Amino acid sequence: MNDVIDVPPAPDAAKLESLKQLTMIIYILQAASFVVGITGIVAIVMNYVKREDTVGTLYESHFAWQIRTFWWGLLWAVIGFLTTVVLVGFVILFANFVWCIYRIVKGFLSWNDGKPMSV
């Protein structure tokens, strides 16, 4: 029962530095999306394009964190906009705004400390 487990090779220092920069750029793009909405789309596309490269690194958890932040934030934004006619939508939109800012800041601070995210 010697099962072979396919373990990806450890990334080299240059690749890790590149992923570190990319992760920071994505956090910045997510934050900028509150002013320029299209940057959120750019960030999520970058997450999905480079996600495979992060497997086995601490940035894998950051990418999962960023992807979840985007999709849950988008879901609650849509719900908030749809319910603005009954005024509860404004509360939902504000809560979603605060939640997204919290997740971006928390992720960025963990990134800065070189820690993975708990997803």
PDB file of N, CA and C in Angstrom:
ATOM      1  N   MET A   1       0.811  -1.175   0.000  1.00  0.00           N
ATOM      2  CA  MET A   1       0.000   0.000   0.000  1.00  0.00           C
ATOM      3  C   MET A   1       0.861   1.246   0.000  1.00  0.00           C
ATOM      4  N   ASN A   2       1.698   1.309  -0.975  1.00  0.00           N
ATOM      5  CA  ASN A   2       2.541   2.476  -1.147  1.00  0.00           C
ATOM      6  C   ASN A   2       1.922   3.393  -2.186  1.00  0.00           C
ATOM      7  N   ASP A   3       0.936   4.139  -1.746  1.00  0.00           N
ATOM      8  CA  ASP A   3       0.283   5.078  -2.645  1.00  0.00           C
ATOM      9  C   ASP A   3       1.205   6.257  -2.898  1.00  0.00           C
ATOM     10  N   VAL A   4       1.285   6.654  -4.136  1.00  0.00           N
ATOM     11  CA  VAL A   4       2.097   7.800  -4.507  1.00  0.00           C
ATOM     12  C   VAL A   4       1.216   9.035  -4.455  1.00  0.00           C
ATOM     13  N   ILE A   5       1.672  10.013  -3.708  1.00  0.00           N
ATOM     14  CA  ILE A   5       0.934  11.266  -3.583  1.00  0.00           C
ATOM     15  C   ILE A   5       1.633  12.304  -4.441  1.00  0.00           C
ATOM     16  N   ASP A   6       0.872  12.926  -5.311  1.00  0.00           N
ATOM     17  CA  ASP A   6       1.425  13.939  -6.204  1.00  0.00           C
ATOM     18  C   ASP A   6       1.547  15.255  -5.444  1.00  0.00           C
ATOM     19  N   VAL A   7       2.763  15.564  -5.014  1.00  0.00           N
ATOM     20  CA  VAL A   7       3.030  16.783  -4.262  1.00  0.00           C
ATOM     21  C   VAL A   7       3.730  17.765  -5.193  1.00  0.00           C
ATOM     22  N   PRO A   8       3.194  18.981  -5.303  1.00  0.00           N
ATOM     23  CA  PRO A   8       3.866  19.946  -6.177  1.00  0.00           C
ATOM     24  C   PRO A   8       5.231  20.321  -5.618  1.00  0.00           C
ATOM     25  N   PRO A   9       6.181  20.600  -6.502  1.00  0.00           N
ATOM     26  CA  PRO A   9       7.517  20.964  -6.023  1.00  0.00           C
ATOM     27  C   PRO A   9       7.475  22.290  -5.263  1.00  0.00           C
ATOM     28  N   ALA A  10       8.401  22.457  -4.343  1.00  0.00           N
ATOM     29  CA  ALA A  10       8.465  23.699  -3.572  1.00  0.00           C
ATOM     30  C   ALA A  10       8.843  24.842  -4.519  1.00  0.00           C
ATOM     31  N   PRO A  11       8.130  25.960  -4.413  1.00  0.00           N
ATOM     32  CA  PRO A  11       8.442  27.084  -5.298  1.00  0.00           C
ATOM     33  C   PRO A  11       9.768  27.739  -4.920  1.00  0.00           C
ATOM     34  N   ASP A  12      10.439  28.282  -5.927  1.00  0.00           N
ATOM     35  CA  ASP A  12      11.709  28.950  -5.646  1.00  0.00           C
ATOM     36  C   ASP A  12      11.456  30.364  -5.119  1.00  0.00           C
ATOM     37  N   ALA A  13      12.515  31.004  -4.667  1.00  0.00           N
ATOM     38  CA  ALA A  13      12.404  32.319  -4.030  1.00  0.00           C
ATOM     39  C   ALA A  13      11.849  33.373  -4.988  1.00  0.00           C
ATOM     40  N   ALA A  14      12.243  33.323  -6.246  1.00  0.00           N
ATOM     41  CA  ALA A  14      11.770  34.311  -7.223  1.00  0.00           C
ATOM     42  C   ALA A  14      10.266  34.175  -7.445  1.00  0.00           C
ATOM     43  N   LYS A  15       9.793  32.927  -7.510  1.00  0.00           N
ATOM     44  CA  LYS A  15       8.359  32.697  -7.703  1.00  0.00           C
ATOM     45  C   LYS A  15       7.579  33.186  -6.482  1.00  0.00           C
ATOM     46  N   LEU A  16       8.095  32.904  -5.288  1.00  0.00           N
ATOM     47  CA  LEU A  16       7.421  33.359  -4.071  1.00  0.00           C
ATOM     48  C   LEU A  16       7.364  34.883  -4.007  1.00  0.00           C
ATOM     49  N   GLU A  17       8.436  35.540  -4.394  1.00  0.00           N
ATOM     50  CA  GLU A  17       8.446  37.009  -4.395  1.00  0.00           C
ATOM     51  C   GLU A  17       7.443  37.553  -5.407  1.00  0.00           C
ATOM     52  N   SER A  18       7.356  36.910  -6.554  1.00  0.00           N
ATOM     53  CA  SER A  18       6.386  37.312  -7.571  1.00  0.00           C
ATOM     54  C   SER A  18       4.953  37.137  -7.062  1.00  0.00           C
ATOM     55  N   LEU A  19       4.684  36.014  -6.404  1.00  0.00           N
ATOM     56  CA  LEU A  19       3.349  35.776  -5.844  1.00  0.00           C
ATOM     57  C   LEU A  19       3.036  36.758  -4.725  1.00  0.00           C
ATOM     58  N   LYS A  20       4.053  37.110  -3.949  1.00  0.00           N
ATOM     59  CA  LYS A  20       3.851  38.085  -2.874  1.00  0.00           C
ATOM     60  C   LYS A  20       3.433  39.430  -3.457  1.00  0.00           C
ATOM     61  N   GLN A  21       4.119  39.879  -4.498  1.00  0.00           N
ATOM     62  CA  GLN A  21       3.770  41.146  -5.142  1.00  0.00           C
ATOM     63  C   GLN A  21       2.381  41.081  -5.771  1.00  0.00           C
ATOM     64  N   LEU A  22       2.098  39.981  -6.434  1.00  0.00           N
ATOM     65  CA  LEU A  22       0.802  39.830  -7.084  1.00  0.00           C
ATOM     66  C   LEU A  22      -0.333  39.857  -6.062  1.00  0.00           C
ATOM     67  N   THR A  23      -0.133  39.219  -4.940  1.00  0.00           N
ATOM     68  CA  THR A  23      -1.145  39.202  -3.885  1.00  0.00           C
ATOM     69  C   THR A  23      -1.392  40.617  -3.376  1.00  0.00           C
ATOM     70  N   MET A  24      -0.330  41.392  -3.186  1.00  0.00           N
ATOM     71  CA  MET A  24      -0.482  42.781  -2.755  1.00  0.00           C
ATOM     72  C   MET A  24      -1.223  43.596  -3.805  1.00  0.00           C
ATOM     73  N   ILE A  25      -0.885  43.423  -5.059  1.00  0.00           N
ATOM     74  CA  ILE A  25      -1.545  44.162  -6.132  1.00  0.00           C
ATOM     75  C   ILE A  25      -3.036  43.857  -6.145  1.00  0.00           C
ATOM     76  N   ILE A  26      -3.390  42.593  -5.930  1.00  0.00           N
ATOM     77  CA  ILE A  26      -4.805  42.216  -5.934  1.00  0.00           C
ATOM     78  C   ILE A  26      -5.535  42.859  -4.760  1.00  0.00           C
ATOM     79  N   TYR A  27      -4.914  42.903  -3.588  1.00  0.00           N
ATOM     80  CA  TYR A  27      -5.537  43.601  -2.457  1.00  0.00           C
ATOM     81  C   TYR A  27      -5.754  45.077  -2.791  1.00  0.00           C
ATOM     82  N   ILE A  28      -4.780  45.702  -3.427  1.00  0.00           N
ATOM     83  CA  ILE A  28      -4.904  47.113  -3.801  1.00  0.00           C
ATOM     84  C   ILE A  28      -6.020  47.297  -4.827  1.00  0.00           C
ATOM     85  N   LEU A  29      -6.088  46.407  -5.805  1.00  0.00           N
ATOM     86  CA  LEU A  29      -7.154  46.493  -6.803  1.00  0.00           C
ATOM     87  C   LEU A  29      -8.528  46.319  -6.170  1.00  0.00           C
ATOM     88  N   GLN A  30      -8.631  45.402  -5.207  1.00  0.00           N
ATOM     89  CA  GLN A  30      -9.910  45.231  -4.517  1.00  0.00           C
ATOM     90  C   GLN A  30     -10.290  46.498  -3.773  1.00  0.00           C
ATOM     91  N   ALA A  31      -9.343  47.111  -3.100  1.00  0.00           N
ATOM     92  CA  ALA A  31      -9.627  48.351  -2.370  1.00  0.00           C
ATOM     93  C   ALA A  31      -9.999  49.470  -3.348  1.00  0.00           C
ATOM     94  N   ALA A  32      -9.308  49.554  -4.457  1.00  0.00           N
ATOM     95  CA  ALA A  32      -9.584  50.594  -5.448  1.00  0.00           C
ATOM     96  C   ALA A  32     -10.945  50.410  -6.104  1.00  0.00           C
ATOM     97  N   SER A  33     -11.488  49.221  -6.042  1.00  0.00           N
ATOM     98  CA  SER A  33     -12.783  48.967  -6.690  1.00  0.00           C
ATOM     99  C   SER A  33     -13.917  49.760  -6.056  1.00  0.00           C
ATOM    100  N   PHE A  34     -13.723  50.295  -4.857  1.00  0.00           N
ATOM    101  CA  PHE A  34     -14.750  51.137  -4.249  1.00  0.00           C
ATOM    102  C   PHE A  34     -14.828  52.491  -4.938  1.00  0.00           C
ATOM    103  N   VAL A  35     -13.743  52.868  -5.631  1.00  0.00           N
ATOM    104  CA  VAL A  35     -13.722  54.130  -6.368  1.00  0.00           C
ATOM    105  C   VAL A  35     -13.875  53.876  -7.861  1.00  0.00           C
ATOM    106  N   VAL A  36     -13.142  52.883  -8.352  1.00  0.00           N
ATOM    107  CA  VAL A  36     -13.162  52.520  -9.772  1.00  0.00           C
ATOM    108  C   VAL A  36     -13.570  51.054  -9.847  1.00  0.00           C
ATOM    109  N   GLY A  37     -14.844  50.798 -10.026  1.00  0.00           N
ATOM    110  CA  GLY A  37     -15.399  49.450  -9.930  1.00  0.00           C
ATOM    111  C   GLY A  37     -14.727  48.387 -10.777  1.00  0.00           C
ATOM    112  N   ILE A  38     -14.204  48.766 -11.939  1.00  0.00           N
ATOM    113  CA  ILE A  38     -13.628  47.779 -12.855  1.00  0.00           C
ATOM    114  C   ILE A  38     -12.409  47.093 -12.264  1.00  0.00           C
ATOM    115  N   THR A  39     -11.736  47.727 -11.305  1.00  0.00           N
ATOM    116  CA  THR A  39     -10.534  47.106 -10.740  1.00  0.00           C
ATOM    117  C   THR A  39     -10.875  45.835  -9.958  1.00  0.00           C
ATOM    118  N   GLY A  40     -12.093  45.744  -9.448  1.00  0.00           N
ATOM    119  CA  GLY A  40     -12.527  44.512  -8.778  1.00  0.00           C
ATOM    120  C   GLY A  40     -12.606  43.349  -9.754  1.00  0.00           C
ATOM    121  N   ILE A  41     -13.074  43.641 -10.966  1.00  0.00           N
ATOM    122  CA  ILE A  41     -13.146  42.612 -12.011  1.00  0.00           C
ATOM    123  C   ILE A  41     -11.730  42.183 -12.408  1.00  0.00           C
ATOM    124  N   VAL A  42     -10.846  43.146 -12.564  1.00  0.00           N
ATOM    125  CA  VAL A  42      -9.452  42.838 -12.912  1.00  0.00           C
ATOM    126  C   VAL A  42      -8.840  41.957 -11.831  1.00  0.00           C
ATOM    127  N   ALA A  43      -9.101  42.294 -10.568  1.00  0.00           N
ATOM    128  CA  ALA A  43      -8.544  41.522  -9.445  1.00  0.00           C
ATOM    129  C   ALA A  43      -9.027  40.079  -9.466  1.00  0.00           C
ATOM    130  N   ILE A  44     -10.324  39.862  -9.670  1.00  0.00           N
ATOM    131  CA  ILE A  44     -10.848  38.489  -9.633  1.00  0.00           C
ATOM    132  C   ILE A  44     -10.340  37.680 -10.827  1.00  0.00           C
ATOM    133  N   VAL A  45     -10.178  38.317 -11.972  1.00  0.00           N
ATOM    134  CA  VAL A  45      -9.617  37.613 -13.132  1.00  0.00           C
ATOM    135  C   VAL A  45      -8.178  37.197 -12.826  1.00  0.00           C
ATOM    136  N   MET A  46      -7.405  38.110 -12.244  1.00  0.00           N
ATOM    137  CA  MET A  46      -6.024  37.775 -11.879  1.00  0.00           C
ATOM    138  C   MET A  46      -5.995  36.628 -10.872  1.00  0.00           C
ATOM    139  N   ASN A  47      -6.929  36.647  -9.898  1.00  0.00           N
ATOM    140  CA  ASN A  47      -7.001  35.556  -8.918  1.00  0.00           C
ATOM    141  C   ASN A  47      -7.173  34.215  -9.611  1.00  0.00           C
ATOM    142  N   TYR A  48      -8.108  34.143 -10.526  1.00  0.00           N
ATOM    143  CA  TYR A  48      -8.384  32.863 -11.174  1.00  0.00           C
ATOM    144  C   TYR A  48      -7.278  32.447 -12.141  1.00  0.00           C
ATOM    145  N   VAL A  49      -6.667  33.397 -12.824  1.00  0.00           N
ATOM    146  CA  VAL A  49      -5.601  33.073 -13.774  1.00  0.00           C
ATOM    147  C   VAL A  49      -4.366  32.539 -13.053  1.00  0.00           C
ATOM    148  N   LYS A  50      -4.017  33.133 -11.912  1.00  0.00           N
ATOM    149  CA  LYS A  50      -2.790  32.764 -11.204  1.00  0.00           C
ATOM    150  C   LYS A  50      -3.007  31.825 -10.017  1.00  0.00           C
ATOM    151  N   ARG A  51      -4.246  31.419  -9.787  1.00  0.00           N
ATOM    152  CA  ARG A  51      -4.561  30.594  -8.614  1.00  0.00           C
ATOM    153  C   ARG A  51      -3.741  29.315  -8.549  1.00  0.00           C
ATOM    154  N   GLU A  52      -3.577  28.654  -9.658  1.00  0.00           N
ATOM    155  CA  GLU A  52      -2.842  27.381  -9.697  1.00  0.00           C
ATOM    156  C   GLU A  52      -1.385  27.561  -9.262  1.00  0.00           C
ATOM    157  N   ASP A  53      -0.808  28.719  -9.554  1.00  0.00           N
ATOM    158  CA  ASP A  53       0.585  28.977  -9.180  1.00  0.00           C
ATOM    159  C   ASP A  53       0.775  29.090  -7.672  1.00  0.00           C
ATOM    160  N   THR A  54      -0.301  29.348  -6.940  1.00  0.00           N
ATOM    161  CA  THR A  54      -0.187  29.556  -5.493  1.00  0.00           C
ATOM    162  C   THR A  54      -0.301  28.267  -4.683  1.00  0.00           C
ATOM    163  N   VAL A  55      -0.639  27.171  -5.332  1.00  0.00           N
ATOM    164  CA  VAL A  55      -0.842  25.911  -4.621  1.00  0.00           C
ATOM    165  C   VAL A  55       0.423  25.542  -3.842  1.00  0.00           C
ATOM    166  N   GLY A  56       0.229  25.257  -2.560  1.00  0.00           N
ATOM    167  CA  GLY A  56       1.344  24.857  -1.709  1.00  0.00           C
ATOM    168  C   GLY A  56       2.107  26.015  -1.083  1.00  0.00           C
ATOM    169  N   THR A  57       1.642  27.242  -1.320  1.00  0.00           N
ATOM    170  CA  THR A  57       2.294  28.403  -0.719  1.00  0.00           C
ATOM    171  C   THR A  57       1.318  29.084   0.231  1.00  0.00           C
ATOM    172  N   LEU A  58       1.823  29.997   1.026  1.00  0.00           N
ATOM    173  CA  LEU A  58       0.934  30.724   1.931  1.00  0.00           C
ATOM    174  C   LEU A  58      -0.008  31.639   1.150  1.00  0.00           C
ATOM    175  N   TYR A  59       0.320  31.943  -0.088  1.00  0.00           N
ATOM    176  CA  TYR A  59      -0.525  32.819  -0.902  1.00  0.00           C
ATOM    177  C   TYR A  59      -1.770  32.110  -1.421  1.00  0.00           C
ATOM    178  N   GLU A  60      -1.773  30.798  -1.351  1.00  0.00           N
ATOM    179  CA  GLU A  60      -2.971  30.039  -1.735  1.00  0.00           C
ATOM    180  C   GLU A  60      -4.150  30.453  -0.855  1.00  0.00           C
ATOM    181  N   SER A  61      -3.906  30.605   0.437  1.00  0.00           N
ATOM    182  CA  SER A  61      -4.984  30.998   1.345  1.00  0.00           C
ATOM    183  C   SER A  61      -5.407  32.448   1.100  1.00  0.00           C
ATOM    184  N   HIS A  62      -4.475  33.298   0.720  1.00  0.00           N
ATOM    185  CA  HIS A  62      -4.817  34.691   0.416  1.00  0.00           C
ATOM    186  C   HIS A  62      -5.686  34.767  -0.838  1.00  0.00           C
ATOM    187  N   PHE A  63      -5.364  33.965  -1.836  1.00  0.00           N
ATOM    188  CA  PHE A  63      -6.171  33.962  -3.054  1.00  0.00           C
ATOM    189  C   PHE A  63      -7.586  33.468  -2.752  1.00  0.00           C
ATOM    190  N   ALA A  64      -7.707  32.415  -1.948  1.00  0.00           N
ATOM    191  CA  ALA A  64      -9.038  31.922  -1.570  1.00  0.00           C
ATOM    192  C   ALA A  64      -9.796  33.016  -0.817  1.00  0.00           C
ATOM    193  N   TRP A  65      -9.113  33.720   0.075  1.00  0.00           N
ATOM    194  CA  TRP A  65      -9.705  34.823   0.849  1.00  0.00           C
ATOM    195  C   TRP A  65     -10.197  35.934  -0.091  1.00  0.00           C
ATOM    196  N   GLN A  66      -9.363  36.300  -1.055  1.00  0.00           N
ATOM    197  CA  GLN A  66      -9.712  37.357  -1.996  1.00  0.00           C
ATOM    198  C   GLN A  66     -10.891  36.956  -2.880  1.00  0.00           C
ATOM    199  N   ILE A  67     -10.890  35.721  -3.333  1.00  0.00           N
ATOM    200  CA  ILE A  67     -11.973  35.245  -4.189  1.00  0.00           C
ATOM    201  C   ILE A  67     -13.280  35.230  -3.414  1.00  0.00           C
ATOM    202  N   ARG A  68     -13.251  34.736  -2.192  1.00  0.00           N
ATOM    203  CA  ARG A  68     -14.471  34.719  -1.377  1.00  0.00           C
ATOM    204  C   ARG A  68     -14.954  36.125  -1.062  1.00  0.00           C
ATOM    205  N   THR A  69     -14.024  37.021  -0.797  1.00  0.00           N
ATOM    206  CA  THR A  69     -14.404  38.415  -0.530  1.00  0.00           C
ATOM    207  C   THR A  69     -15.136  38.997  -1.740  1.00  0.00           C
ATOM    208  N   PHE A  70     -14.619  38.759  -2.925  1.00  0.00           N
ATOM    209  CA  PHE A  70     -15.239  39.285  -4.140  1.00  0.00           C
ATOM    210  C   PHE A  70     -16.647  38.736  -4.328  1.00  0.00           C
ATOM    211  N   TRP A  71     -16.796  37.406  -4.318  1.00  0.00           N
ATOM    212  CA  TRP A  71     -18.095  36.812  -4.636  1.00  0.00           C
ATOM    213  C   TRP A  71     -19.149  37.089  -3.564  1.00  0.00           C
ATOM    214  N   TRP A  72     -18.777  36.998  -2.286  1.00  0.00           N
ATOM    215  CA  TRP A  72     -19.752  37.305  -1.232  1.00  0.00           C
ATOM    216  C   TRP A  72     -20.095  38.789  -1.237  1.00  0.00           C
ATOM    217  N   GLY A  73     -19.105  39.639  -1.479  1.00  0.00           N
ATOM    218  CA  GLY A  73     -19.363  41.072  -1.566  1.00  0.00           C
ATOM    219  C   GLY A  73     -20.288  41.400  -2.721  1.00  0.00           C
ATOM    220  N   LEU A  74     -20.069  40.753  -3.860  1.00  0.00           N
ATOM    221  CA  LEU A  74     -20.941  40.972  -5.016  1.00  0.00           C
ATOM    222  C   LEU A  74     -22.360  40.496  -4.732  1.00  0.00           C
ATOM    223  N   LEU A  75     -22.494  39.322  -4.125  1.00  0.00           N
ATOM    224  CA  LEU A  75     -23.817  38.801  -3.794  1.00  0.00           C
ATOM    225  C   LEU A  75     -24.586  39.775  -2.904  1.00  0.00           C
ATOM    226  N   TRP A  76     -23.949  40.251  -1.829  1.00  0.00           N
ATOM    227  CA  TRP A  76     -24.633  41.153  -0.901  1.00  0.00           C
ATOM    228  C   TRP A  76     -24.865  42.522  -1.516  1.00  0.00           C
ATOM    229  N   ALA A  77     -24.016  42.944  -2.438  1.00  0.00           N
ATOM    230  CA  ALA A  77     -24.255  44.205  -3.140  1.00  0.00           C
ATOM    231  C   ALA A  77     -25.503  44.094  -4.012  1.00  0.00           C
ATOM    232  N   VAL A  78     -25.642  42.980  -4.715  1.00  0.00           N
ATOM    233  CA  VAL A  78     -26.838  42.771  -5.543  1.00  0.00           C
ATOM    234  C   VAL A  78     -28.087  42.726  -4.665  1.00  0.00           C
ATOM    235  N   ILE A  79     -28.018  41.969  -3.586  1.00  0.00           N
ATOM    236  CA  ILE A  79     -29.171  41.901  -2.666  1.00  0.00           C
ATOM    237  C   ILE A  79     -29.483  43.288  -2.111  1.00  0.00           C
ATOM    238  N   GLY A  80     -28.451  44.023  -1.743  1.00  0.00           N
ATOM    239  CA  GLY A  80     -28.646  45.375  -1.222  1.00  0.00           C
ATOM    240  C   GLY A  80     -29.307  46.287  -2.238  1.00  0.00           C
ATOM    241  N   PHE A  81     -28.822  46.273  -3.477  1.00  0.00           N
ATOM    242  CA  PHE A  81     -29.422  47.115  -4.512  1.00  0.00           C
ATOM    243  C   PHE A  81     -30.869  46.720  -4.791  1.00  0.00           C
ATOM    244  N   LEU A  82     -31.140  45.422  -4.809  1.00  0.00           N
ATOM    245  CA  LEU A  82     -32.510  44.975  -5.079  1.00  0.00           C
ATOM    246  C   LEU A  82     -33.485  45.337  -3.965  1.00  0.00           C
ATOM    247  N   THR A  83     -32.981  45.489  -2.758  1.00  0.00           N
ATOM    248  CA  THR A  83     -33.869  45.773  -1.627  1.00  0.00           C
ATOM    249  C   THR A  83     -33.860  47.250  -1.206  1.00  0.00           C
ATOM    250  N   THR A  84     -33.222  48.106  -2.007  1.00  0.00           N
ATOM    251  CA  THR A  84     -33.232  49.528  -1.660  1.00  0.00           C
ATOM    252  C   THR A  84     -34.631  50.127  -1.752  1.00  0.00           C
ATOM    253  N   VAL A  85     -35.497  49.510  -2.539  1.00  0.00           N
ATOM    254  CA  VAL A  85     -36.865  50.040  -2.663  1.00  0.00           C
ATOM    255  C   VAL A  85     -37.625  49.925  -1.348  1.00  0.00           C
ATOM    256  N   VAL A  86     -37.233  49.002  -0.488  1.00  0.00           N
ATOM    257  CA  VAL A  86     -37.860  48.883   0.831  1.00  0.00           C
ATOM    258  C   VAL A  86     -36.937  49.402   1.929  1.00  0.00           C
ATOM    259  N   LEU A  87     -35.940  50.174   1.513  1.00  0.00           N
ATOM    260  CA  LEU A  87     -34.996  50.871   2.392  1.00  0.00           C
ATOM    261  C   LEU A  87     -34.040  49.981   3.176  1.00  0.00           C
ATOM    262  N   VAL A  88     -34.348  48.717   3.388  1.00  0.00           N
ATOM    263  CA  VAL A  88     -33.423  47.833   4.095  1.00  0.00           C
ATOM    264  C   VAL A  88     -32.144  47.634   3.272  1.00  0.00           C
ATOM    265  N   GLY A  89     -32.243  47.844   1.980  1.00  0.00           N
ATOM    266  CA  GLY A  89     -31.090  47.684   1.103  1.00  0.00           C
ATOM    267  C   GLY A  89     -29.938  48.603   1.454  1.00  0.00           C
ATOM    268  N   PHE A  90     -30.257  49.793   1.941  1.00  0.00           N
ATOM    269  CA  PHE A  90     -29.200  50.727   2.318  1.00  0.00           C
ATOM    270  C   PHE A  90     -28.396  50.203   3.508  1.00  0.00           C
ATOM    271  N   VAL A  91     -29.073  49.548   4.417  1.00  0.00           N
ATOM    272  CA  VAL A  91     -28.388  48.936   5.562  1.00  0.00           C
ATOM    273  C   VAL A  91     -27.512  47.787   5.081  1.00  0.00           C
ATOM    274  N   ILE A  92     -28.047  46.977   4.181  1.00  0.00           N
ATOM    275  CA  ILE A  92     -27.291  45.853   3.624  1.00  0.00           C
ATOM    276  C   ILE A  92     -26.061  46.356   2.874  1.00  0.00           C
ATOM    277  N   LEU A  93     -26.241  47.395   2.073  1.00  0.00           N
ATOM    278  CA  LEU A  93     -25.114  47.942   1.318  1.00  0.00           C
ATOM    279  C   LEU A  93     -24.035  48.500   2.246  1.00  0.00           C
ATOM    280  N   PHE A  94     -24.439  49.190   3.303  1.00  0.00           N
ATOM    281  CA  PHE A  94     -23.464  49.725   4.247  1.00  0.00           C
ATOM    282  C   PHE A  94     -22.726  48.597   4.973  1.00  0.00           C
ATOM    283  N   ALA A  95     -23.479  47.603   5.436  1.00  0.00           N
ATOM    284  CA  ALA A  95     -22.856  46.471   6.132  1.00  0.00           C
ATOM    285  C   ALA A  95     -21.897  45.734   5.195  1.00  0.00           C
ATOM    286  N   ASN A  96     -22.279  45.578   3.944  1.00  0.00           N
ATOM    287  CA  ASN A  96     -21.420  44.915   2.965  1.00  0.00           C
ATOM    288  C   ASN A  96     -20.142  45.727   2.732  1.00  0.00           C
ATOM    289  N   PHE A  97     -20.279  47.035   2.648  1.00  0.00           N
ATOM    290  CA  PHE A  97     -19.126  47.918   2.475  1.00  0.00           C
ATOM    291  C   PHE A  97     -18.141  47.742   3.631  1.00  0.00           C
ATOM    292  N   VAL A  98     -18.643  47.784   4.848  1.00  0.00           N
ATOM    293  CA  VAL A  98     -17.794  47.627   6.035  1.00  0.00           C
ATOM    294  C   VAL A  98     -17.140  46.244   6.050  1.00  0.00           C
ATOM    295  N   TRP A  99     -17.923  45.208   5.740  1.00  0.00           N
ATOM    296  CA  TRP A  99     -17.415  43.833   5.734  1.00  0.00           C
ATOM    297  C   TRP A  99     -16.293  43.674   4.697  1.00  0.00           C
ATOM    298  N   CYS A 100     -16.493  44.229   3.504  1.00  0.00           N
ATOM    299  CA  CYS A 100     -15.468  44.118   2.456  1.00  0.00           C
ATOM    300  C   CYS A 100     -14.192  44.864   2.849  1.00  0.00           C
ATOM    301  N   ILE A 101     -14.340  46.066   3.403  1.00  0.00           N
ATOM    302  CA  ILE A 101     -13.168  46.816   3.862  1.00  0.00           C
ATOM    303  C   ILE A 101     -12.423  46.020   4.931  1.00  0.00           C
ATOM    304  N   TYR A 102     -13.173  45.451   5.869  1.00  0.00           N
ATOM    305  CA  TYR A 102     -12.561  44.635   6.928  1.00  0.00           C
ATOM    306  C   TYR A 102     -11.746  43.496   6.323  1.00  0.00           C
ATOM    307  N   ARG A 103     -12.315  42.776   5.365  1.00  0.00           N
ATOM    308  CA  ARG A 103     -11.630  41.623   4.779  1.00  0.00           C
ATOM    309  C   ARG A 103     -10.395  42.038   3.986  1.00  0.00           C
ATOM    310  N   ILE A 104     -10.481  43.147   3.285  1.00  0.00           N
ATOM    311  CA  ILE A 104      -9.323  43.620   2.526  1.00  0.00           C
ATOM    312  C   ILE A 104      -8.211  44.034   3.481  1.00  0.00           C
ATOM    313  N   VAL A 105      -8.554  44.777   4.522  1.00  0.00           N
ATOM    314  CA  VAL A 105      -7.547  45.232   5.492  1.00  0.00           C
ATOM    315  C   VAL A 105      -6.956  44.045   6.245  1.00  0.00           C
ATOM    316  N   LYS A 106      -7.800  43.136   6.701  1.00  0.00           N
ATOM    317  CA  LYS A 106      -7.300  41.962   7.429  1.00  0.00           C
ATOM    318  C   LYS A 106      -6.369  41.129   6.548  1.00  0.00           C
ATOM    319  N   GLY A 107      -6.767  40.911   5.309  1.00  0.00           N
ATOM    320  CA  GLY A 107      -5.927  40.153   4.393  1.00  0.00           C
ATOM    321  C   GLY A 107      -4.606  40.847   4.118  1.00  0.00           C
ATOM    322  N   PHE A 108      -4.674  42.156   3.901  1.00  0.00           N
ATOM    323  CA  PHE A 108      -3.446  42.910   3.626  1.00  0.00           C
ATOM    324  C   PHE A 108      -2.505  42.877   4.823  1.00  0.00           C
ATOM    325  N   LEU A 109      -3.033  43.017   6.023  1.00  0.00           N
ATOM    326  CA  LEU A 109      -2.180  42.972   7.216  1.00  0.00           C
ATOM    327  C   LEU A 109      -1.545  41.601   7.405  1.00  0.00           C
ATOM    328  N   SER A 110      -2.300  40.547   7.148  1.00  0.00           N
ATOM    329  CA  SER A 110      -1.728  39.189   7.229  1.00  0.00           C
ATOM    330  C   SER A 110      -0.673  38.995   6.155  1.00  0.00           C
ATOM    331  N   TRP A 111      -0.943  39.515   4.961  1.00  0.00           N
ATOM    332  CA  TRP A 111       0.039  39.448   3.880  1.00  0.00           C
ATOM    333  C   TRP A 111       1.326  40.153   4.299  1.00  0.00           C
ATOM    334  N   ASN A 112       1.170  41.340   4.881  1.00  0.00           N
ATOM    335  CA  ASN A 112       2.328  42.139   5.304  1.00  0.00           C
ATOM    336  C   ASN A 112       3.160  41.406   6.373  1.00  0.00           C
ATOM    337  N   ASP A 113       2.494  40.647   7.224  1.00  0.00           N
ATOM    338  CA  ASP A 113       3.184  39.892   8.271  1.00  0.00           C
ATOM    339  C   ASP A 113       3.684  38.540   7.785  1.00  0.00           C
ATOM    340  N   GLY A 114       3.408  38.192   6.542  1.00  0.00           N
ATOM    341  CA  GLY A 114       3.845  36.906   5.993  1.00  0.00           C
ATOM    342  C   GLY A 114       3.069  35.717   6.539  1.00  0.00           C
ATOM    343  N   LYS A 115       1.819  35.965   6.924  1.00  0.00           N
ATOM    344  CA  LYS A 115       0.985  34.909   7.498  1.00  0.00           C
ATOM    345  C   LYS A 115      -0.089  34.472   6.504  1.00  0.00           C
ATOM    346  N   PRO A 116      -0.440  33.198   6.530  1.00  0.00           N
ATOM    347  CA  PRO A 116      -1.556  32.767   5.682  1.00  0.00           C
ATOM    348  C   PRO A 116      -2.889  33.194   6.297  1.00  0.00           C
ATOM    349  N   MET A 117      -3.915  33.186   5.483  1.00  0.00           N
ATOM    350  CA  MET A 117      -5.259  33.501   5.962  1.00  0.00           C
ATOM    351  C   MET A 117      -5.916  32.211   6.456  1.00  0.00           C
ATOM    352  N   SER A 118      -6.760  32.344   7.435  1.00  0.00           N
ATOM    353  CA  SER A 118      -7.531  31.169   7.881  1.00  0.00           C
ATOM    354  C   SER A 118      -8.844  31.180   7.121  1.00  0.00           C
ATOM    355  N   VAL A 119      -8.930  30.300   6.152  1.00  0.00           N
ATOM    356  CA  VAL A 119     -10.135  30.269   5.297  1.00  0.00           C
ATOM    357  C   VAL A 119     -11.021  29.108   5.621  1.00  0.00           C
TER     358      VAL A 119
END
